[in-house]
N, C-alpha and C. Protein backbone atom coordinates (compact mmCIF):
# COMPACT_ATOMS: atom_id res chain seq x y z
N MET A 1 -24.95 27.80 36.60
CA MET A 1 -24.51 26.66 36.64
C MET A 1 -23.25 27.16 36.79
N ILE A 2 -22.01 26.89 37.52
CA ILE A 2 -20.89 27.03 36.74
C ILE A 2 -20.24 25.97 36.10
N CYS A 3 -19.21 25.17 35.05
CA CYS A 3 -18.77 24.20 34.76
C CYS A 3 -17.38 23.97 35.60
N PRO A 4 -18.01 22.72 35.82
CA PRO A 4 -16.20 22.29 36.16
C PRO A 4 -15.21 22.70 35.81
N ASP A 5 -13.65 22.87 36.17
CA ASP A 5 -13.02 22.61 35.97
C ASP A 5 -12.09 21.25 35.46
N THR A 6 -13.10 20.06 36.30
CA THR A 6 -12.23 19.22 36.28
C THR A 6 -12.97 17.84 35.94
N ILE A 7 -12.70 16.79 35.40
CA ILE A 7 -13.88 15.36 34.97
C ILE A 7 -13.09 14.24 35.97
N ILE A 8 -13.93 13.99 36.40
CA ILE A 8 -13.51 12.44 37.47
C ILE A 8 -13.69 11.42 36.47
N ILE A 9 -12.92 10.33 36.33
CA ILE A 9 -12.91 9.63 35.23
C ILE A 9 -12.48 8.05 36.42
N GLY A 10 -13.17 7.24 36.36
CA GLY A 10 -13.00 5.82 37.53
C GLY A 10 -11.61 5.99 38.80
N GLY A 11 -12.65 7.36 39.16
CA GLY A 11 -12.06 7.79 40.59
C GLY A 11 -10.60 9.06 40.76
N HIS A 12 -10.81 9.39 39.47
CA HIS A 12 -9.00 10.34 39.47
C HIS A 12 -9.78 11.07 38.94
N ALA A 13 -9.43 12.61 39.38
CA ALA A 13 -10.12 13.90 38.69
C ALA A 13 -8.64 14.20 37.76
N TYR A 14 -9.10 15.05 36.41
CA TYR A 14 -8.34 15.32 35.25
C TYR A 14 -8.62 16.53 34.84
N SER A 15 -7.79 17.31 34.39
CA SER A 15 -8.44 18.62 34.20
C SER A 15 -8.80 18.48 32.99
N TRP A 16 -9.60 19.11 32.46
CA TRP A 16 -10.56 19.08 31.39
C TRP A 16 -10.30 19.99 30.24
N ARG A 17 -9.17 21.22 30.67
CA ARG A 17 -8.15 21.90 29.43
C ARG A 17 -7.55 21.04 29.01
N GLN A 18 -6.23 20.18 30.19
CA GLN A 18 -5.36 19.57 29.72
C GLN A 18 -6.01 18.05 28.77
N LEU A 19 -7.10 17.43 29.25
CA LEU A 19 -7.82 16.48 28.48
C LEU A 19 -7.72 17.08 27.42
N SER A 20 -8.24 18.01 26.78
CA SER A 20 -8.81 18.91 25.32
C SER A 20 -7.64 19.88 24.42
N GLU A 21 -6.59 19.27 25.26
CA GLU A 21 -5.64 19.97 24.49
C GLU A 21 -4.60 18.79 24.26
N GLN A 22 -4.48 17.47 25.04
CA GLN A 22 -4.13 16.42 24.89
C GLN A 22 -4.92 16.08 23.76
N ARG A 23 -5.87 15.28 23.36
CA ARG A 23 -6.93 15.37 22.08
C ARG A 23 -6.26 16.08 21.09
N ARG A 24 -6.41 17.66 21.20
CA ARG A 24 -5.89 17.66 20.06
C ARG A 24 -4.33 17.45 19.48
N GLN A 25 -3.27 17.20 20.13
CA GLN A 25 -2.46 16.55 19.89
C GLN A 25 -2.62 15.63 19.16
N GLN A 26 -2.99 14.44 19.88
CA GLN A 26 -3.79 13.43 19.33
C GLN A 26 -4.00 13.47 18.14
N VAL A 27 -4.77 14.35 17.11
CA VAL A 27 -5.53 14.14 16.02
C VAL A 27 -5.09 14.85 15.38
N ALA A 28 -3.91 15.59 15.77
CA ALA A 28 -2.97 16.67 15.04
C ALA A 28 -1.89 15.38 14.58
N ALA A 29 -1.42 14.42 15.38
CA ALA A 29 -0.44 13.74 15.30
C ALA A 29 -0.82 12.52 14.31
N TRP A 30 -2.62 12.12 14.96
CA TRP A 30 -2.90 10.80 13.89
C TRP A 30 -2.97 11.73 12.23
N LYS A 31 -2.93 12.86 12.17
CA LYS A 31 -3.27 13.42 10.74
C LYS A 31 -2.15 13.38 9.67
N ALA A 32 -0.99 13.77 10.48
CA ALA A 32 0.19 13.72 10.38
C ALA A 32 0.69 12.30 9.93
N SER A 33 0.28 11.14 10.36
CA SER A 33 0.62 10.25 10.39
C SER A 33 0.20 9.37 9.10
N GLN A 34 -0.91 9.96 8.76
CA GLN A 34 -2.07 9.93 7.04
C GLN A 34 -1.04 9.57 6.14
N PRO A 35 -0.53 8.79 5.04
CA PRO A 35 -0.01 8.74 4.70
C PRO A 35 -0.65 10.00 2.90
N HIS A 36 -0.53 10.88 2.64
CA HIS A 36 -0.91 11.55 0.98
C HIS A 36 -0.89 10.32 -0.29
N GLN A 37 -1.86 10.32 -0.63
CA GLN A 37 -1.80 9.75 -2.01
C GLN A 37 -1.91 10.45 -3.10
N PRO A 38 -0.90 10.24 -3.92
CA PRO A 38 -0.90 11.66 -5.29
C PRO A 38 -1.87 11.05 -6.21
N SER A 39 -2.70 11.77 -7.16
CA SER A 39 -3.52 11.12 -8.15
C SER A 39 -2.23 10.33 -9.27
N LEU A 40 -2.88 9.46 -9.27
CA LEU A 40 -2.22 8.65 -11.17
C LEU A 40 -2.32 9.52 -12.16
N PHE A 41 -3.40 9.93 -12.29
CA PHE A 41 -3.82 10.48 -13.64
C PHE A 41 -4.48 12.43 -13.30
N GLU A 42 -4.58 13.02 -14.41
CA GLU A 42 -4.44 14.67 -14.24
C GLU A 42 -5.81 14.56 -13.91
N LEU A 43 -6.83 15.17 -12.99
CA LEU A 43 -8.35 15.02 -12.51
C LEU A 43 -9.11 16.04 -13.53
N ARG A 44 -9.87 16.10 -14.21
CA ARG A 44 -10.58 16.60 -15.21
C ARG A 44 -12.20 16.92 -14.20
N GLU A 45 -12.63 18.07 -14.52
CA GLU A 45 -14.00 18.23 -14.10
C GLU A 45 -15.34 17.69 -15.26
N ASP A 46 -15.90 16.88 -14.79
CA ASP A 46 -17.03 16.20 -15.59
C ASP A 46 -18.26 17.47 -16.01
N ALA A 47 -18.03 18.03 -17.85
CA ALA A 47 -19.04 18.93 -18.55
C ALA A 47 -20.18 18.52 -18.47
N ARG A 48 -20.65 17.07 -18.27
CA ARG A 48 -22.24 16.43 -18.63
C ARG A 48 -22.76 17.66 -17.53
N PRO A 49 -24.48 16.97 -18.26
CA PRO A 49 -24.88 17.64 -17.46
C PRO A 49 -25.48 16.67 -16.15
N ALA A 50 -25.68 17.50 -15.04
CA ALA A 50 -26.18 16.57 -13.63
C ALA A 50 -26.80 14.78 -13.94
N THR A 51 -27.87 15.21 -15.16
CA THR A 51 -28.86 14.10 -14.89
C THR A 51 -28.18 13.35 -15.30
N GLN A 52 -26.85 13.31 -16.52
CA GLN A 52 -26.01 12.76 -17.62
C GLN A 52 -25.11 11.95 -16.63
N ARG A 53 -24.06 12.48 -15.47
CA ARG A 53 -23.48 11.86 -14.63
C ARG A 53 -23.35 10.15 -14.19
N SER A 54 -24.56 9.64 -13.82
CA SER A 54 -24.99 8.39 -13.11
C SER A 54 -25.65 7.93 -14.11
N ALA A 55 -25.87 6.58 -14.13
CA ALA A 55 -26.33 5.46 -14.59
C ALA A 55 -28.02 5.56 -14.54
N ALA A 56 -27.89 6.05 -13.23
CA ALA A 56 -29.79 5.68 -12.96
C ALA A 56 -30.33 7.09 -13.95
N GLY A 57 -29.26 8.24 -13.98
CA GLY A 57 -30.08 9.71 -15.23
C GLY A 57 -30.05 9.40 -16.09
N ARG A 58 -28.92 8.59 -16.62
CA ARG A 58 -28.87 8.68 -18.27
C ARG A 58 -30.41 7.81 -18.39
N TYR A 59 -30.80 6.96 -17.56
CA TYR A 59 -31.45 6.26 -17.68
C TYR A 59 -33.20 6.89 -17.18
N LEU A 60 -33.11 7.39 -16.74
CA LEU A 60 -34.30 8.29 -15.99
C LEU A 60 -34.75 9.45 -17.59
N GLU A 61 -33.44 9.95 -18.30
CA GLU A 61 -33.80 11.05 -18.99
C GLU A 61 -32.56 10.74 -20.00
N PRO A 62 -32.76 9.36 -21.09
CA PRO A 62 -32.08 9.27 -22.63
C PRO A 62 -31.63 10.71 -22.64
N SER A 63 -31.10 10.64 -23.39
CA SER A 63 -30.52 12.08 -25.00
C SER A 63 -31.25 11.50 -26.16
N LEU A 64 -31.17 13.08 -26.93
CA LEU A 64 -31.43 12.44 -27.82
C LEU A 64 -30.79 11.14 -28.88
N LEU A 65 -29.30 10.87 -28.44
CA LEU A 65 -28.37 9.89 -29.24
C LEU A 65 -28.79 8.54 -28.94
N ASP A 66 -29.48 8.24 -28.24
CA ASP A 66 -29.12 7.48 -27.44
C ASP A 66 -30.94 6.81 -27.29
N ALA A 67 -32.30 7.43 -28.24
CA ALA A 67 -33.56 7.06 -28.57
C ALA A 67 -33.30 5.70 -29.47
N PRO A 68 -34.16 4.69 -29.61
CA PRO A 68 -34.26 3.41 -30.34
C PRO A 68 -33.94 3.69 -31.71
N GLY A 69 -33.08 3.36 -32.11
CA GLY A 69 -33.16 3.27 -34.06
C GLY A 69 -31.74 3.57 -33.96
N TRP A 70 -31.27 4.56 -33.25
CA TRP A 70 -29.48 4.97 -33.81
C TRP A 70 -28.51 3.80 -33.39
N GLY A 71 -28.80 2.93 -32.68
CA GLY A 71 -27.36 2.01 -32.62
C GLY A 71 -27.74 1.35 -32.79
């Protein structure tokens, strides 16, 4: 089956290629209009183990210094 070059919307025929190109232009214009927010502070990598990066991970696997009697 051959793909048609036109699409009919509301009784009007439109070129599929032209619609695709117009959509690409819309997306490019939208991306260009979005402001870029620079970071306020220097971003640093989190050096903690993966389980210690979230509260749930710290609860499930407490470290040696978090044991009862140390605090």
